[in-house]
PDB file of N, CA and C in Angstrom:
ATOM      1  N   UNK A   1       0.652  -1.230   0.141  1.00  0.00           N
ATOM      2  CA  UNK A   1       0.175   0.031  -0.257  1.00  0.00           C
ATOM      3  C   UNK A   1       0.743   1.282  -0.185  1.00  0.00           C
ATOM      4  N   UNK A   2       1.681   1.009   0.702  1.00  0.00           N
ATOM      5  CA  UNK A   2       2.842   2.138   0.737  1.00  0.00           C
ATOM      6  C   UNK A   2       3.408   2.371  -0.402  1.00  0.00           C
ATOM      7  N   UNK A   3       3.280   1.561  -1.725  1.00  0.00           N
ATOM      8  CA  UNK A   3       4.089   1.943  -3.026  1.00  0.00           C
ATOM      9  C   UNK A   3       2.731   2.358  -3.655  1.00  0.00           C
ATOM     10  N   UNK A   4       1.816   2.262  -3.440  1.00  0.00           N
ATOM     11  CA  UNK A   4       0.800   2.654  -4.140  1.00  0.00           C
ATOM     12  C   UNK A   4       0.450   4.441  -3.779  1.00  0.00           C
ATOM     13  N   UNK A   5       0.512   4.515  -3.043  1.00  0.00           N
ATOM     14  CA  UNK A   5       0.265   5.892  -2.413  1.00  0.00           C
ATOM     15  C   UNK A   5       0.859   7.041  -3.361  1.00  0.00           C
ATOM     16  N   UNK A   6       2.067   6.813  -3.837  1.00  0.00           N
ATOM     17  CA  UNK A   6       2.988   8.089  -4.430  1.00  0.00           C
ATOM     18  C   UNK A   6       2.445   7.691  -5.857  1.00  0.00           C
ATOM     19  N   UNK A   7       2.366   6.815  -6.485  1.00  0.00           N
ATOM     20  CA  UNK A   7       1.486   6.733  -7.789  1.00  0.00           C
ATOM     21  C   UNK A   7      -0.072   7.577  -7.987  1.00  0.00           C
ATOM     22  N   UNK A   8      -0.746   7.477  -7.243  1.00  0.00           N
ATOM     23  CA  UNK A   8      -2.026   7.896  -6.789  1.00  0.00           C
ATOM     24  C   UNK A   8      -1.874   9.575  -6.901  1.00  0.00           C
ATOM     25  N   UNK A   9      -0.812   9.729  -6.145  1.00  0.00           N
ATOM     26  CA  UNK A   9      -0.818  11.581  -5.974  1.00  0.00           C
ATOM     27  C   UNK A   9      -0.154  11.424  -7.189  1.00  0.00           C
ATOM     28  N   UNK A  10       0.793  10.873  -7.626  1.00  0.00           N
ATOM     29  CA  UNK A  10       1.065  11.050  -8.947  1.00  0.00           C
ATOM     30  C   UNK A  10       0.090  11.494 -10.038  1.00  0.00           C
ATOM     31  N   UNK A  11      -0.742  10.266 -10.085  1.00  0.00           N
ATOM     32  CA  UNK A  11      -1.858  10.392 -11.265  1.00  0.00           C
ATOM     33  C   UNK A  11      -2.943  11.574 -10.892  1.00  0.00           C
ATOM     34  N   UNK A  12      -3.053  11.937  -9.397  1.00  0.00           N
ATOM     35  CA  UNK A  12      -3.833  13.295  -9.263  1.00  0.00           C
ATOM     36  C   UNK A  12      -3.442  14.089  -9.783  1.00  0.00           C
ATOM     37  N   UNK A  13      -2.056  14.690  -9.775  1.00  0.00           N
ATOM     38  CA  UNK A  13      -1.510  15.890 -10.392  1.00  0.00           C
ATOM     39  C   UNK A  13      -1.220  15.997 -11.646  1.00  0.00           C
ATOM     40  N   UNK A  14      -1.253  15.077 -12.942  1.00  0.00           N
ATOM     41  CA  UNK A  14      -1.233  14.771 -13.795  1.00  0.00           C
ATOM     42  C   UNK A  14      -2.595  15.280 -14.351  1.00  0.00           C
ATOM     43  N   UNK A  15      -3.618  14.955 -14.115  1.00  0.00           N
ATOM     44  CA  UNK A  15      -4.796  14.850 -14.288  1.00  0.00           C
ATOM     45  C   UNK A  15      -4.867  16.150 -13.911  1.00  0.00           C
ATOM     46  N   UNK A  16      -4.577  16.648 -12.512  1.00  0.00           N
ATOM     47  CA  UNK A  16      -4.958  18.862 -12.651  1.00  0.00           C
ATOM     48  C   UNK A  16      -4.153  19.164 -13.644  1.00  0.00           C
ATOM     49  N   UNK A  17      -2.708  18.821 -13.718  1.00  0.00           N
ATOM     50  CA  UNK A  17      -2.271  19.410 -14.511  1.00  0.00           C
ATOM     51  C   UNK A  17      -2.763  19.503 -16.209  1.00  0.00           C
ATOM     52  N   UNK A  18      -3.168  18.703 -16.583  1.00  0.00           N
ATOM     53  CA  UNK A  18      -3.936  18.396 -17.786  1.00  0.00           C
ATOM     54  C   UNK A  18      -5.291  19.595 -18.023  1.00  0.00           C
ATOM     55  N   UNK A  19      -6.032  19.553 -16.815  1.00  0.00           N
ATOM     56  CA  UNK A  19      -7.249  20.533 -17.026  1.00  0.00           C
ATOM     57  C   UNK A  19      -6.503  21.819 -16.728  1.00  0.00           C
ATOM     58  N   UNK A  20      -5.972  21.881 -16.519  1.00  0.00           N
ATOM     59  CA  UNK A  20      -5.011  23.252 -16.156  1.00  0.00           C
ATOM     60  C   UNK A  20      -4.678  24.258 -17.334  1.00  0.00           C
ATOM     61  N   UNK A  21      -3.764  23.015 -17.888  1.00  0.00           N
ATOM     62  CA  UNK A  21      -3.808  23.245 -19.618  1.00  0.00           C
ATOM     63  C   UNK A  21      -4.736  23.617 -20.316  1.00  0.00           C
ATOM     64  N   UNK A  22      -5.703  22.586 -20.239  1.00  0.00           N
ATOM     65  CA  UNK A  22      -6.908  22.723 -21.115  1.00  0.00           C
ATOM     66  C   UNK A  22      -7.401  24.354 -20.971  1.00  0.00           C
ATOM     67  N   UNK A  23      -7.843  24.944 -19.977  1.00  0.00           N
ATOM     68  CA  UNK A  23      -8.356  25.729 -19.546  1.00  0.00           C
ATOM     69  C   UNK A  23      -7.489  27.189 -20.043  1.00  0.00           C
ATOM     70  N   UNK A  24      -5.795  26.893 -20.373  1.00  0.00           N
ATOM     71  CA  UNK A  24      -5.208  28.296 -20.718  1.00  0.00           C
ATOM     72  C   UNK A  24      -4.855  28.056 -21.817  1.00  0.00           C
ATOM     73  N   UNK A  25      -5.297  27.199 -22.890  1.00  0.00           N
ATOM     74  CA  UNK A  25      -5.339  27.356 -24.328  1.00  0.00           C
ATOM     75  C   UNK A  25      -5.724  29.203 -24.364  1.00  0.00           C
ATOM     76  N   UNK A  26      -4.620  29.657 -25.439  1.00  0.00           N
ATOM     77  CA  UNK A  26      -5.700  30.783 -26.013  1.00  0.00           C
ATOM     78  C   UNK A  26      -6.724  31.259 -26.784  1.00  0.00           C
ATOM     79  N   UNK A  27      -7.419  31.722 -26.602  1.00  0.00           N
ATOM     80  CA  UNK A  27      -8.551  31.999 -27.464  1.00  0.00           C
ATOM     81  C   UNK A  27      -8.644  32.687 -28.288  1.00  0.00           C
ATOM     82  N   UNK A  28      -9.633  32.309 -29.271  1.00  0.00           N
ATOM     83  CA  UNK A  28      -9.432  33.088 -30.728  1.00  0.00           C
ATOM     84  C   UNK A  28     -10.138  34.507 -30.411  1.00  0.00           C
ATOM     85  N   UNK A  29      -9.570  35.617 -30.961  1.00  0.00           N
ATOM     86  CA  UNK A  29     -10.303  37.223 -30.502  1.00  0.00           C
ATOM     87  C   UNK A  29     -11.178  37.313 -31.793  1.00  0.00           C
ATOM     88  N   UNK A  30     -11.445  36.498 -32.311  1.00  0.00           N
ATOM     89  CA  UNK A  30     -12.845  36.767 -33.463  1.00  0.00           C
ATOM     90  C   UNK A  30     -13.787  35.767 -33.309  1.00  0.00           C
ATOM     91  N   UNK A  31     -14.117  35.303 -32.011  1.00  0.00           N
ATOM     92  CA  UNK A  31     -15.059  34.316 -31.636  1.00  0.00           C
ATOM     93  C   UNK A  31     -15.666  34.656 -30.244  1.00  0.00           C
ATOM     94  N   UNK A  32     -16.380  34.948 -29.959  1.00  0.00           N
ATOM     95  CA  UNK A  32     -16.516  35.481 -28.645  1.00  0.00           C
ATOM     96  C   UNK A  32     -17.356  33.613 -27.657  1.00  0.00           C
ATOM     97  N   UNK A  33     -16.735  33.429 -26.849  1.00  0.00           N
ATOM     98  CA  UNK A  33     -17.083  32.090 -26.201  1.00  0.00           C
ATOM     99  C   UNK A  33     -17.345  32.621 -24.496  1.00  0.00           C
ATOM    100  N   UNK A  34     -18.613  32.674 -23.988  1.00  0.00           N
ATOM    101  CA  UNK A  34     -18.783  33.324 -22.441  1.00  0.00           C
ATOM    102  C   UNK A  34     -17.973  31.803 -21.882  1.00  0.00           C
ATOM    103  N   UNK A  35     -17.941  32.028 -20.909  1.00  0.00           N
ATOM    104  CA  UNK A  35     -16.778  31.627 -19.845  1.00  0.00           C
ATOM    105  C   UNK A  35     -17.718  30.788 -18.964  1.00  0.00           C
ATOM    106  N   UNK A  36     -18.172  29.326 -18.563  1.00  0.00           N
ATOM    107  CA  UNK A  36     -19.000  28.786 -17.963  1.00  0.00           C
ATOM    108  C   UNK A  36     -18.567  29.172 -16.276  1.00  0.00           C
ATOM    109  N   UNK A  37     -19.394  29.322 -15.678  1.00  0.00           N
ATOM    110  CA  UNK A  37     -19.186  29.680 -13.913  1.00  0.00           C
ATOM    111  C   UNK A  37     -18.924  28.335 -13.700  1.00  0.00           C
ATOM    112  N   UNK A  38     -17.709  28.626 -12.773  1.00  0.00           N
ATOM    113  CA  UNK A  38     -16.800  27.344 -11.814  1.00  0.00           C
ATOM    114  C   UNK A  38     -18.303  26.590 -11.264  1.00  0.00           C
ATOM    115  N   UNK A  39     -18.955  27.095 -10.851  1.00  0.00           N
ATOM    116  CA  UNK A  39     -20.270  26.252 -10.009  1.00  0.00           C
ATOM    117  C   UNK A  39     -21.585  26.204 -10.815  1.00  0.00           C
ATOM    118  N   UNK A  40     -21.218  26.029 -11.778  1.00  0.00           N
ATOM    119  CA  UNK A  40     -22.310  25.490 -12.564  1.00  0.00           C
ATOM    120  C   UNK A  40     -23.890  26.884 -12.556  1.00  0.00           C
ATOM    121  N   UNK A  41     -23.576  27.545 -12.633  1.00  0.00           N
ATOM    122  CA  UNK A  41     -24.823  28.722 -12.329  1.00  0.00           C
ATOM    123  C   UNK A  41     -24.922  29.200 -13.550  1.00  0.00           C
ATOM    124  N   UNK A  42     -26.003  29.605 -13.780  1.00  0.00           N
ATOM    125  CA  UNK A  42     -26.329  30.192 -15.619  1.00  0.00           C
ATOM    126  C   UNK A  42     -26.639  31.949 -14.646  1.00  0.00           C
ATOM    127  N   UNK A  43     -26.568  32.432 -15.850  1.00  0.00           N
ATOM    128  CA  UNK A  43     -27.027  34.183 -15.589  1.00  0.00           C
ATOM    129  C   UNK A  43     -28.254  34.231 -15.089  1.00  0.00           C
ATOM    130  N   UNK A  44     -28.597  35.248 -14.028  1.00  0.00           N
ATOM    131  CA  UNK A  44     -30.347  35.242 -14.052  1.00  0.00           C
ATOM    132  C   UNK A  44     -31.184  35.994 -14.984  1.00  0.00           C
ATOM    133  N   UNK A  45     -31.809  35.588 -15.012  1.00  0.00           N
ATOM    134  CA  UNK A  45     -33.154  36.093 -16.061  1.00  0.00           C
ATOM    135  C   UNK A  45     -33.213  37.243 -15.500  1.00  0.00           C
ATOM    136  N   UNK A  46     -33.276  38.094 -16.661  1.00  0.00           N
ATOM    137  CA  UNK A  46     -33.643  39.580 -16.191  1.00  0.00           C
ATOM    138  C   UNK A  46     -35.051  39.960 -16.239  1.00  0.00           C
ATOM    139  N   UNK A  47     -36.057  38.832 -16.965  1.00  0.00           N
ATOM    140  CA  UNK A  47     -37.410  38.930 -17.132  1.00  0.00           C
ATOM    141  C   UNK A  47     -37.578  40.726 -17.666  1.00  0.00           C
ATOM    142  N   UNK A  48     -38.210  41.172 -17.055  1.00  0.00           N
ATOM    143  CA  UNK A  48     -38.610  42.751 -17.950  1.00  0.00           C
ATOM    144  C   UNK A  48     -39.518  42.492 -19.129  1.00  0.00           C
ATOM    145  N   UNK A  49     -39.957  43.802 -19.643  1.00  0.00           N
ATOM    146  CA  UNK A  49     -40.518  43.776 -20.860  1.00  0.00           C
ATOM    147  C   UNK A  49     -40.063  44.867 -21.797  1.00  0.00           C
ATOM    148  N   UNK A  50     -38.699  45.845 -21.019  1.00  0.00           N
ATOM    149  CA  UNK A  50     -37.930  46.492 -21.780  1.00  0.00           C
ATOM    150  C   UNK A  50     -37.259  45.538 -23.226  1.00  0.00           C
ATOM    151  N   UNK A  51     -37.093  46.261 -24.342  1.00  0.00           N
ATOM    152  CA  UNK A  51     -36.284  46.076 -25.541  1.00  0.00           C
ATOM    153  C   UNK A  51     -35.224  46.676 -25.679  1.00  0.00           C
ATOM    154  N   UNK A  52     -33.967  46.404 -26.293  1.00  0.00           N
ATOM    155  CA  UNK A  52     -32.968  46.745 -26.454  1.00  0.00           C
ATOM    156  C   UNK A  52     -33.140  47.725 -27.662  1.00  0.00           C
ATOM    157  N   UNK A  53     -32.216  48.888 -27.750  1.00  0.00           N
ATOM    158  CA  UNK A  53     -32.206  49.685 -28.218  1.00  0.00           C
ATOM    159  C   UNK A  53     -30.420  49.556 -29.003  1.00  0.00           C
ATOM    160  N   UNK A  54     -30.188  49.329 -30.257  1.00  0.00           N
ATOM    161  CA  UNK A  54     -29.170  49.731 -30.951  1.00  0.00           C
ATOM    162  C   UNK A  54     -29.135  50.487 -32.454  1.00  0.00           C
ATOM    163  N   UNK A  55     -27.847  50.749 -32.740  1.00  0.00           N
ATOM    164  CA  UNK A  55     -27.213  51.368 -33.567  1.00  0.00           C
ATOM    165  C   UNK A  55     -27.427  50.749 -34.888  1.00  0.00           C
ATOM    166  N   UNK A  56     -27.143  50.733 -36.013  1.00  0.00           N
ATOM    167  CA  UNK A  56     -27.017  50.086 -37.404  1.00  0.00           C
ATOM    168  C   UNK A  56     -25.270  49.750 -37.197  1.00  0.00           C
ATOM    169  N   UNK A  57     -24.861  50.247 -37.000  1.00  0.00           N
ATOM    170  CA  UNK A  57     -23.094  50.054 -37.106  1.00  0.00           C
ATOM    171  C   UNK A  57     -22.592  48.987 -35.832  1.00  0.00           C
ATOM    172  N   UNK A  58     -23.912  49.589 -34.522  1.00  0.00           N
ATOM    173  CA  UNK A  58     -23.470  47.819 -33.572  1.00  0.00           C
ATOM    174  C   UNK A  58     -23.632  46.805 -33.956  1.00  0.00           C
ATOM    175  N   UNK A  59     -24.524  46.650 -35.100  1.00  0.00           N
ATOM    176  CA  UNK A  59     -24.750  45.117 -35.839  1.00  0.00           C
ATOM    177  C   UNK A  59     -24.065  44.926 -36.807  1.00  0.00           C
ATOM    178  N   UNK A  60     -23.143  45.778 -37.802  1.00  0.00           N
ATOM    179  CA  UNK A  60     -22.420  45.544 -38.905  1.00  0.00           C
ATOM    180  C   UNK A  60     -21.324  44.570 -38.520  1.00  0.00           C
ATOM    181  N   UNK A  61     -21.054  43.500 -39.002  1.00  0.00           N
ATOM    182  CA  UNK A  61     -19.945  42.230 -38.913  1.00  0.00           C
ATOM    183  C   UNK A  61     -20.878  41.136 -37.701  1.00  0.00           C
ATOM    184  N   UNK A  62     -21.502  41.469 -37.094  1.00  0.00           N
ATOM    185  CA  UNK A  62     -22.037  40.692 -36.146  1.00  0.00           C
ATOM    186  C   UNK A  62     -22.256  39.503 -36.623  1.00  0.00           C
ATOM    187  N   UNK A  63     -22.630  37.817 -36.111  1.00  0.00           N
ATOM    188  CA  UNK A  63     -23.276  37.139 -36.743  1.00  0.00           C
ATOM    189  C   UNK A  63     -24.113  36.671 -35.416  1.00  0.00           C
ATOM    190  N   UNK A  64     -25.007  35.911 -36.218  1.00  0.00           N
ATOM    191  CA  UNK A  64     -25.931  35.181 -35.329  1.00  0.00           C
ATOM    192  C   UNK A  64     -25.859  34.429 -34.396  1.00  0.00           C
ATOM    193  N   UNK A  65     -25.905  33.792 -33.410  1.00  0.00           N
ATOM    194  CA  UNK A  65     -25.223  33.185 -32.403  1.00  0.00           C
ATOM    195  C   UNK A  65     -25.459  31.958 -32.564  1.00  0.00           C
ATOM    196  N   UNK A  66     -26.653  31.216 -33.438  1.00  0.00           N
ATOM    197  CA  UNK A  66     -27.434  30.024 -33.621  1.00  0.00           C
ATOM    198  C   UNK A  66     -26.960  29.856 -34.855  1.00  0.00           C
ATOM    199  N   UNK A  67     -27.500  30.586 -36.130  1.00  0.00           N
ATOM    200  CA  UNK A  67     -26.989  30.316 -37.336  1.00  0.00           C
ATOM    201  C   UNK A  67     -25.808  30.412 -37.887  1.00  0.00           C
ATOM    202  N   UNK A  68     -24.811  31.524 -36.999  1.00  0.00           N
ATOM    203  CA  UNK A  68     -24.142  31.901 -37.545  1.00  0.00           C
ATOM    204  C   UNK A  68     -23.860  32.920 -38.848  1.00  0.00           C
ATOM    205  N   UNK A  69     -24.995  33.216 -39.389  1.00  0.00           N
ATOM    206  CA  UNK A  69     -25.449  34.156 -40.799  1.00  0.00           C
ATOM    207  C   UNK A  69     -25.115  35.306 -39.995  1.00  0.00           C
ATOM    208  N   UNK A  70     -24.690  36.714 -40.939  1.00  0.00           N
ATOM    209  CA  UNK A  70     -24.307  37.755 -40.447  1.00  0.00           C
ATOM    210  C   UNK A  70     -26.006  38.751 -40.443  1.00  0.00           C
ATOM    211  N   UNK A  71     -25.726  39.160 -39.165  1.00  0.00           N
ATOM    212  CA  UNK A  71     -26.849  39.664 -38.969  1.00  0.00           C
ATOM    213  C   UNK A  71     -27.786  41.101 -39.888  1.00  0.00           C
ATOM    214  N   UNK A  72     -28.971  41.067 -40.295  1.00  0.00           N
ATOM    215  CA  UNK A  72     -29.332  42.132 -41.181  1.00  0.00           C
ATOM    216  C   UNK A  72     -30.240  43.014 -40.192  1.00  0.00           C
ATOM    217  N   UNK A  73     -29.473  43.914 -40.571  1.00  0.00           N
ATOM    218  CA  UNK A  73     -30.506  44.694 -39.503  1.00  0.00           C
ATOM    219  C   UNK A  73     -32.014  44.979 -39.803  1.00  0.00           C
ATOM    220  N   UNK A  74     -32.388  44.914 -40.966  1.00  0.00           N
ATOM    221  CA  UNK A  74     -33.598  45.281 -41.413  1.00  0.00           C
ATOM    222  C   UNK A  74     -34.677  44.132 -41.160  1.00  0.00           C
ATOM    223  N   UNK A  75     -34.351  42.952 -40.632  1.00  0.00           N
ATOM    224  CA  UNK A  75     -35.264  41.860 -39.721  1.00  0.00           C
ATOM    225  C   UNK A  75     -35.198  41.668 -38.339  1.00  0.00           C
ATOM    226  N   UNK A  76     -36.206  41.013 -37.708  1.00  0.00           N
ATOM    227  CA  UNK A  76     -36.649  41.091 -36.335  1.00  0.00           C
ATOM    228  C   UNK A  76     -35.191  40.420 -36.232  1.00  0.00           C
ATOM    229  N   UNK A  77     -34.586  41.430 -34.648  1.00  0.00           N
ATOM    230  CA  UNK A  77     -33.398  40.720 -33.856  1.00  0.00           C
ATOM    231  C   UNK A  77     -33.823  40.836 -32.491  1.00  0.00           C
ATOM    232  N   UNK A  78     -33.074  40.098 -32.159  1.00  0.00           N
ATOM    233  CA  UNK A  78     -33.158  39.460 -30.707  1.00  0.00           C
ATOM    234  C   UNK A  78     -31.623  39.238 -30.133  1.00  0.00           C
ATOM    235  N   UNK A  79     -31.688  39.658 -28.624  1.00  0.00           N
ATOM    236  CA  UNK A  79     -29.824  39.906 -28.217  1.00  0.00           C
ATOM    237  C   UNK A  79     -30.213  39.070 -26.632  1.00  0.00           C
ATOM    238  N   UNK A  80     -29.709  38.760 -26.406  1.00  0.00           N
ATOM    239  CA  UNK A  80     -29.630  38.099 -24.609  1.00  0.00           C
ATOM    240  C   UNK A  80     -29.199  38.343 -23.672  1.00  0.00           C
ATOM    241  N   UNK A  81     -29.776  38.822 -22.924  1.00  0.00           N
ATOM    242  CA  UNK A  81     -29.661  39.314 -21.573  1.00  0.00           C
ATOM    243  C   UNK A  81     -28.448  39.317 -20.788  1.00  0.00           C
ATOM    244  N   UNK A  82     -28.160  37.934 -21.325  1.00  0.00           N
ATOM    245  CA  UNK A  82     -26.889  36.818 -19.868  1.00  0.00           C
ATOM    246  C   UNK A  82     -25.877  36.983 -20.834  1.00  0.00           C
ATOM    247  N   UNK A  83     -25.609  36.909 -21.802  1.00  0.00           N
ATOM    248  CA  UNK A  83     -24.505  37.256 -22.700  1.00  0.00           C
ATOM    249  C   UNK A  83     -23.411  38.167 -23.712  1.00  0.00           C
ATOM    250  N   UNK A  84     -25.438  38.914 -24.249  1.00  0.00           N
ATOM    251  CA  UNK A  84     -24.961  39.319 -25.059  1.00  0.00           C
ATOM    252  C   UNK A  84     -25.214  39.156 -26.456  1.00  0.00           C
ATOM    253  N   UNK A  85     -25.413  37.940 -26.442  1.00  0.00           N
ATOM    254  CA  UNK A  85     -25.364  37.025 -28.026  1.00  0.00           C
ATOM    255  C   UNK A  85     -26.703  38.078 -29.045  1.00  0.00           C
ATOM    256  N   UNK A  86     -26.167  37.964 -29.909  1.00  0.00           N
ATOM    257  CA  UNK A  86     -27.166  38.434 -31.242  1.00  0.00           C
ATOM    258  C   UNK A  86     -28.137  37.086 -31.624  1.00  0.00           C
ATOM    259  N   UNK A  87     -29.503  37.583 -32.158  1.00  0.00           N
ATOM    260  CA  UNK A  87     -30.169  36.375 -32.993  1.00  0.00           C
ATOM    261  C   UNK A  87     -31.470  37.005 -33.391  1.00  0.00           C
ATOM    262  N   UNK A  88     -31.621  36.171 -35.140  1.00  0.00           N
ATOM    263  CA  UNK A  88     -32.578  36.723 -35.741  1.00  0.00           C
ATOM    264  C   UNK A  88     -34.041  36.387 -35.237  1.00  0.00           C
ATOM    265  N   UNK A  89     -34.637  36.532 -35.540  1.00  0.00           N
ATOM    266  CA  UNK A  89     -35.897  35.962 -35.087  1.00  0.00           C
ATOM    267  C   UNK A  89     -35.928  34.390 -35.491  1.00  0.00           C
ATOM    268  N   UNK A  90     -36.153  33.958 -36.559  1.00  0.00           N
ATOM    269  CA  UNK A  90     -36.044  32.439 -36.699  1.00  0.00           C
ATOM    270  C   UNK A  90     -34.806  32.264 -36.145  1.00  0.00           C
ATOM    271  N   UNK A  91     -33.966  32.351 -35.272  1.00  0.00           N
ATOM    272  CA  UNK A  91     -33.046  31.265 -34.704  1.00  0.00           C
ATOM    273  C   UNK A  91     -33.647  31.524 -33.383  1.00  0.00           C
ATOM    274  N   UNK A  92     -34.243  32.980 -32.644  1.00  0.00           N
ATOM    275  CA  UNK A  92     -35.436  32.274 -31.793  1.00  0.00           C
ATOM    276  C   UNK A  92     -36.623  31.465 -31.599  1.00  0.00           C
ATOM    277  N   UNK A  93     -37.390  31.428 -32.385  1.00  0.00           N
ATOM    278  CA  UNK A  93     -38.186  30.162 -33.049  1.00  0.00           C
ATOM    279  C   UNK A  93     -37.822  29.292 -33.166  1.00  0.00           C
ATOM    280  N   UNK A  94     -36.376  28.645 -33.487  1.00  0.00           N
ATOM    281  CA  UNK A  94     -35.749  27.252 -33.120  1.00  0.00           C
ATOM    282  C   UNK A  94     -35.507  26.890 -32.123  1.00  0.00           C
ATOM    283  N   UNK A  95     -34.753  28.028 -31.179  1.00  0.00           N
ATOM    284  CA  UNK A  95     -34.591  28.204 -29.881  1.00  0.00           C
ATOM    285  C   UNK A  95     -35.768  27.885 -29.110  1.00  0.00           C
ATOM    286  N   UNK A  96     -36.599  28.170 -29.125  1.00  0.00           N
ATOM    287  CA  UNK A  96     -38.131  28.319 -28.548  1.00  0.00           C
ATOM    288  C   UNK A  96     -38.418  26.483 -28.873  1.00  0.00           C
ATOM    289  N   UNK A  97     -38.544  26.472 -29.865  1.00  0.00           N
ATOM    290  CA  UNK A  97     -38.840  24.928 -30.031  1.00  0.00           C
ATOM    291  C   UNK A  97     -37.930  23.677 -29.448  1.00  0.00           C
ATOM    292  N   UNK A  98     -36.604  24.283 -30.015  1.00  0.00           N
ATOM    293  CA  UNK A  98     -35.630  23.151 -29.330  1.00  0.00           C
ATOM    294  C   UNK A  98     -34.893  23.243 -28.204  1.00  0.00           C
ATOM    295  N   UNK A  99     -34.706  24.559 -27.630  1.00  0.00           N
ATOM    296  CA  UNK A  99     -33.990  24.462 -26.568  1.00  0.00           C
ATOM    297  C   UNK A  99     -34.886  25.406 -25.445  1.00  0.00           C
ATOM    298  N   UNK A 100     -35.908  24.944 -25.196  1.00  0.00           N
ATOM    299  CA  UNK A 100     -36.913  25.788 -23.742  1.00  0.00           C
ATOM    300  C   UNK A 100     -36.874  27.100 -24.168  1.00  0.00           C
ATOM    301  N   UNK A 101     -36.781  28.004 -25.038  1.00  0.00           N
ATOM    302  CA  UNK A 101     -36.582  28.950 -25.219  1.00  0.00           C
ATOM    303  C   UNK A 101     -35.236  29.974 -24.463  1.00  0.00           C
ATOM    304  N   UNK A 102     -34.245  29.383 -24.654  1.00  0.00           N
ATOM    305  CA  UNK A 102     -33.137  29.910 -23.657  1.00  0.00           C
ATOM    306  C   UNK A 102     -31.521  30.122 -24.933  1.00  0.00           C
ATOM    307  N   UNK A 103     -31.116  30.812 -24.393  1.00  0.00           N
ATOM    308  CA  UNK A 103     -29.918  31.547 -25.033  1.00  0.00           C
ATOM    309  C   UNK A 103     -29.098  29.867 -25.664  1.00  0.00           C
ATOM    310  N   UNK A 104     -28.496  29.632 -26.884  1.00  0.00           N
ATOM    311  CA  UNK A 104     -27.543  28.754 -27.060  1.00  0.00           C
ATOM    312  C   UNK A 104     -26.219  29.113 -26.408  1.00  0.00           C
ATOM    313  N   UNK A 105     -26.148  30.004 -26.110  1.00  0.00           N
ATOM    314  CA  UNK A 105     -24.405  30.104 -25.538  1.00  0.00           C
ATOM    315  C   UNK A 105     -24.439  29.887 -23.738  1.00  0.00           C
ATOM    316  N   UNK A 106     -25.534  30.712 -23.346  1.00  0.00           N
ATOM    317  CA  UNK A 106     -25.479  30.685 -21.808  1.00  0.00           C
ATOM    318  C   UNK A 106     -26.557  29.814 -21.636  1.00  0.00           C
ATOM    319  N   UNK A 107     -27.531  29.661 -21.963  1.00  0.00           N
ATOM    320  CA  UNK A 107     -28.632  29.119 -21.428  1.00  0.00           C
ATOM    321  C   UNK A 107     -29.412  30.310 -20.496  1.00  0.00           C
ATOM    322  N   UNK A 108     -29.582  31.161 -20.938  1.00  0.00           N
ATOM    323  CA  UNK A 108     -30.405  32.409 -20.098  1.00  0.00           C
ATOM    324  C   UNK A 108     -31.736  32.480 -20.927  1.00  0.00           C
ATOM    325  N   UNK A 109     -33.034  32.432 -19.975  1.00  0.00           N
ATOM    326  CA  UNK A 109     -34.437  33.044 -20.949  1.00  0.00           C
ATOM    327  C   UNK A 109     -34.259  34.371 -21.292  1.00  0.00           C
ATOM    328  N   UNK A 110     -33.658  35.004 -20.882  1.00  0.00           N
ATOM    329  CA  UNK A 110     -33.460  36.669 -21.318  1.00  0.00           C
ATOM    330  C   UNK A 110     -33.344  36.649 -22.583  1.00  0.00           C
ATOM    331  N   UNK A 111     -34.004  36.666 -23.753  1.00  0.00           N
ATOM    332  CA  UNK A 111     -34.098  36.669 -25.096  1.00  0.00           C
ATOM    333  C   UNK A 111     -34.850  38.432 -25.379  1.00  0.00           C
ATOM    334  N   UNK A 112     -34.769  39.367 -25.542  1.00  0.00           N
ATOM    335  CA  UNK A 112     -35.612  40.399 -25.940  1.00  0.00           C
ATOM    336  C   UNK A 112     -35.177  40.446 -27.105  1.00  0.00           C
ATOM    337  N   UNK A 113     -35.781  41.510 -27.930  1.00  0.00           N
ATOM    338  CA  UNK A 113     -36.133  42.018 -29.419  1.00  0.00           C
ATOM    339  C   UNK A 113     -35.288  43.670 -29.095  1.00  0.00           C
ATOM    340  N   UNK A 114     -34.397  43.641 -30.176  1.00  0.00           N
ATOM    341  CA  UNK A 114     -33.682  44.729 -30.620  1.00  0.00           C
ATOM    342  C   UNK A 114     -34.777  45.668 -30.998  1.00  0.00           C
ATOM    343  N   UNK A 115     -34.462  47.094 -30.929  1.00  0.00           N
ATOM    344  CA  UNK A 115     -34.888  47.895 -31.943  1.00  0.00           C
ATOM    345  C   UNK A 115     -33.673  48.520 -32.788  1.00  0.00           C
ATOM    346  N   UNK A 116     -34.133  48.464 -34.034  1.00  0.00           N
ATOM    347  CA  UNK A 116     -32.705  49.125 -34.410  1.00  0.00           C
ATOM    348  C   UNK A 116     -32.846  50.895 -34.786  1.00  0.00           C
ATOM    349  N   UNK A 117     -32.074  51.470 -34.327  1.00  0.00           N
ATOM    350  CA  UNK A 117     -32.497  52.833 -34.614  1.00  0.00           C
ATOM    351  C   UNK A 117     -31.516  53.810 -35.452  1.00  0.00           C
TER     352      UNK A 117
END
């Protein structure tokens, strides 16, 4: 048993090192990926009836978080209150059918319509 203990400690250290290395990988600056809470909590749902307001310049070059299509400011747009992800109306309909109307990135149910000014 005395010989087994150092091997178990070594194995545990290797596992911890692998997990630490995985979390330290550089992330692409071109892709937004919200980090999960270490406690498994989801962002709070804001509720509320207020809509988001954005300029056309804010939408330029941004992609739909569900379909990856470039956002069209002339279509109905939605935004997540938890992670600020953007969605087209069709993507929100798909999320309602397939994901209990929750954000595909963070799981928040705070998906509100965006008014473009």
